Amino acid sequence: MTDRDPFAEGERAARDNIPAEANPYLGGSDEHALWAAGHEKVAGATEARESEGS
């Protein structure tokens, strides 16, 4: 049995350019919120780096 880490999965998804709308967890669940937070952490950092270069 493997323990899933929704936050890490969200970070990985953002790095792989998977959109936030692809969150696999049920809306309103703790896992959904963790996945979204992980995705936003990476996506937000990526967007900040891109805007600095423009």
N, C-alpha and C. Protein backbone atom coordinates (compact mmCIF):
# COMPACT_ATOMS: atom_id res chain seq x y z
N MET A 1 0.84 -1.19 0.00
CA MET A 1 0.00 0.00 0.00
C MET A 1 0.89 1.25 0.00
N THR A 2 0.56 2.19 -0.85
CA THR A 2 1.34 3.42 -0.92
C THR A 2 0.53 4.58 -0.35
N ASP A 3 1.23 5.45 0.36
CA ASP A 3 0.59 6.66 0.87
C ASP A 3 0.69 7.73 -0.20
N ARG A 4 -0.44 8.28 -0.58
CA ARG A 4 -0.45 9.34 -1.58
C ARG A 4 -0.28 10.68 -0.89
N ASP A 5 0.43 11.57 -1.55
CA ASP A 5 0.63 12.92 -1.04
C ASP A 5 0.02 13.89 -2.04
N PRO A 6 -1.23 14.31 -1.82
CA PRO A 6 -1.91 15.19 -2.78
C PRO A 6 -1.15 16.48 -3.06
N PHE A 7 -0.48 17.04 -2.06
CA PHE A 7 0.28 18.28 -2.27
C PHE A 7 1.41 18.04 -3.27
N ALA A 8 2.17 16.97 -3.06
CA ALA A 8 3.27 16.63 -3.98
C ALA A 8 2.74 16.29 -5.37
N GLU A 9 1.59 15.61 -5.42
CA GLU A 9 0.99 15.29 -6.72
C GLU A 9 0.61 16.57 -7.47
N GLY A 10 0.09 17.56 -6.76
CA GLY A 10 -0.27 18.83 -7.37
C GLY A 10 0.96 19.57 -7.88
N GLU A 11 2.04 19.55 -7.09
CA GLU A 11 3.30 20.16 -7.54
C GLU A 11 3.80 19.50 -8.81
N ARG A 12 3.78 18.18 -8.82
CA ARG A 12 4.24 17.42 -9.98
C ARG A 12 3.38 17.72 -11.22
N ALA A 13 2.09 17.82 -11.02
CA ALA A 13 1.18 18.11 -12.12
C ALA A 13 1.50 19.48 -12.73
N ALA A 14 1.74 20.47 -11.89
CA ALA A 14 2.06 21.81 -12.39
C ALA A 14 3.37 21.79 -13.18
N ARG A 15 4.36 21.05 -12.69
CA ARG A 15 5.64 20.94 -13.41
C ARG A 15 5.45 20.28 -14.77
N ASP A 16 4.48 19.37 -14.85
CA ASP A 16 4.20 18.66 -16.10
C ASP A 16 3.19 19.40 -16.97
N ASN A 17 2.90 20.66 -16.61
CA ASN A 17 1.95 21.50 -17.35
C ASN A 17 0.55 20.92 -17.42
N ILE A 18 0.15 20.21 -16.38
CA ILE A 18 -1.21 19.71 -16.28
C ILE A 18 -2.05 20.81 -15.63
N PRO A 19 -3.16 21.19 -16.24
CA PRO A 19 -3.95 22.32 -15.71
C PRO A 19 -4.58 22.01 -14.36
N ALA A 20 -4.81 23.06 -13.58
CA ALA A 20 -5.42 22.91 -12.26
C ALA A 20 -6.79 22.25 -12.33
N GLU A 21 -7.48 22.42 -13.45
CA GLU A 21 -8.81 21.82 -13.61
C GLU A 21 -8.76 20.30 -13.64
N ALA A 22 -7.57 19.73 -13.79
CA ALA A 22 -7.41 18.28 -13.85
C ALA A 22 -7.26 17.66 -12.46
N ASN A 23 -7.49 18.43 -11.41
CA ASN A 23 -7.40 17.93 -10.03
C ASN A 23 -8.25 16.66 -9.92
N PRO A 24 -7.62 15.53 -9.57
CA PRO A 24 -8.35 14.26 -9.55
C PRO A 24 -9.19 14.02 -8.30
N TYR A 25 -9.11 14.89 -7.33
CA TYR A 25 -9.80 14.68 -6.06
C TYR A 25 -11.16 15.37 -6.05
N LEU A 26 -12.05 14.83 -5.24
CA LEU A 26 -13.41 15.34 -5.11
C LEU A 26 -13.39 16.76 -4.56
N GLY A 27 -14.05 17.67 -5.27
CA GLY A 27 -14.13 19.07 -4.84
C GLY A 27 -14.65 19.17 -3.42
N GLY A 28 -14.01 20.01 -2.63
CA GLY A 28 -14.40 20.19 -1.24
C GLY A 28 -13.67 19.29 -0.27
N SER A 29 -12.95 18.29 -0.79
CA SER A 29 -12.22 17.39 0.11
C SER A 29 -10.88 18.00 0.50
N ASP A 30 -10.31 17.50 1.59
CA ASP A 30 -8.99 17.95 2.02
C ASP A 30 -7.95 17.66 0.95
N GLU A 31 -8.07 16.50 0.31
CA GLU A 31 -7.11 16.13 -0.72
C GLU A 31 -7.17 17.09 -1.91
N HIS A 32 -8.39 17.50 -2.27
CA HIS A 32 -8.56 18.46 -3.38
C HIS A 32 -7.85 19.76 -3.05
N ALA A 33 -8.03 20.24 -1.82
CA ALA A 33 -7.41 21.49 -1.40
C ALA A 33 -5.89 21.37 -1.37
N LEU A 34 -5.37 20.25 -0.89
CA LEU A 34 -3.92 20.04 -0.85
C LEU A 34 -3.34 19.98 -2.26
N TRP A 35 -4.00 19.25 -3.15
CA TRP A 35 -3.53 19.15 -4.54
C TRP A 35 -3.49 20.53 -5.18
N ALA A 36 -4.57 21.30 -4.97
CA ALA A 36 -4.65 22.65 -5.54
C ALA A 36 -3.55 23.55 -4.97
N ALA A 37 -3.27 23.43 -3.69
CA ALA A 37 -2.23 24.25 -3.07
C ALA A 37 -0.85 23.90 -3.63
N GLY A 38 -0.58 22.63 -3.82
CA GLY A 38 0.68 22.21 -4.41
C GLY A 38 0.81 22.70 -5.84
N HIS A 39 -0.27 22.61 -6.59
CA HIS A 39 -0.27 23.07 -7.98
C HIS A 39 -0.02 24.56 -8.04
N GLU A 40 -0.70 25.31 -7.20
CA GLU A 40 -0.56 26.77 -7.19
C GLU A 40 0.85 27.19 -6.77
N LYS A 41 1.44 26.47 -5.84
CA LYS A 41 2.80 26.80 -5.39
C LYS A 41 3.76 26.77 -6.57
N VAL A 42 3.71 25.71 -7.36
CA VAL A 42 4.63 25.57 -8.49
C VAL A 42 4.21 26.48 -9.64
N ALA A 43 2.91 26.51 -9.96
CA ALA A 43 2.44 27.34 -11.07
C ALA A 43 2.69 28.81 -10.79
N GLY A 44 2.47 29.25 -9.58
CA GLY A 44 2.70 30.65 -9.22
C GLY A 44 4.16 31.02 -9.33
N ALA A 45 5.05 30.14 -8.90
CA ALA A 45 6.48 30.40 -9.00
C ALA A 45 6.91 30.45 -10.46
N THR A 46 6.35 29.57 -11.28
CA THR A 46 6.69 29.55 -12.71
C THR A 46 6.23 30.84 -13.38
N GLU A 47 5.02 31.27 -13.08
CA GLU A 47 4.50 32.51 -13.66
C GLU A 47 5.33 33.71 -13.23
N ALA A 48 5.78 33.74 -11.99
CA ALA A 48 6.59 34.85 -11.50
C ALA A 48 7.92 34.91 -12.26
N ARG A 49 8.54 33.77 -12.48
CA ARG A 49 9.80 33.74 -13.22
C ARG A 49 9.60 34.20 -14.66
N GLU A 50 8.49 33.78 -15.28
CA GLU A 50 8.21 34.17 -16.66
C GLU A 50 7.97 35.65 -16.78
N SER A 51 7.28 36.27 -15.82
CA SER A 51 7.00 37.70 -15.90
C SER A 51 8.26 38.52 -15.65
N GLU A 52 9.20 38.01 -14.89
CA GLU A 52 10.46 38.74 -14.67
C GLU A 52 11.26 38.84 -15.95
N GLY A 53 11.12 37.87 -16.84
CA GLY A 53 11.89 37.88 -18.08
C GLY A 53 11.28 38.72 -19.16
N SER A 54 10.09 39.28 -18.97
CA SER A 54 9.44 40.05 -20.03
C SER A 54 9.68 41.54 -19.91
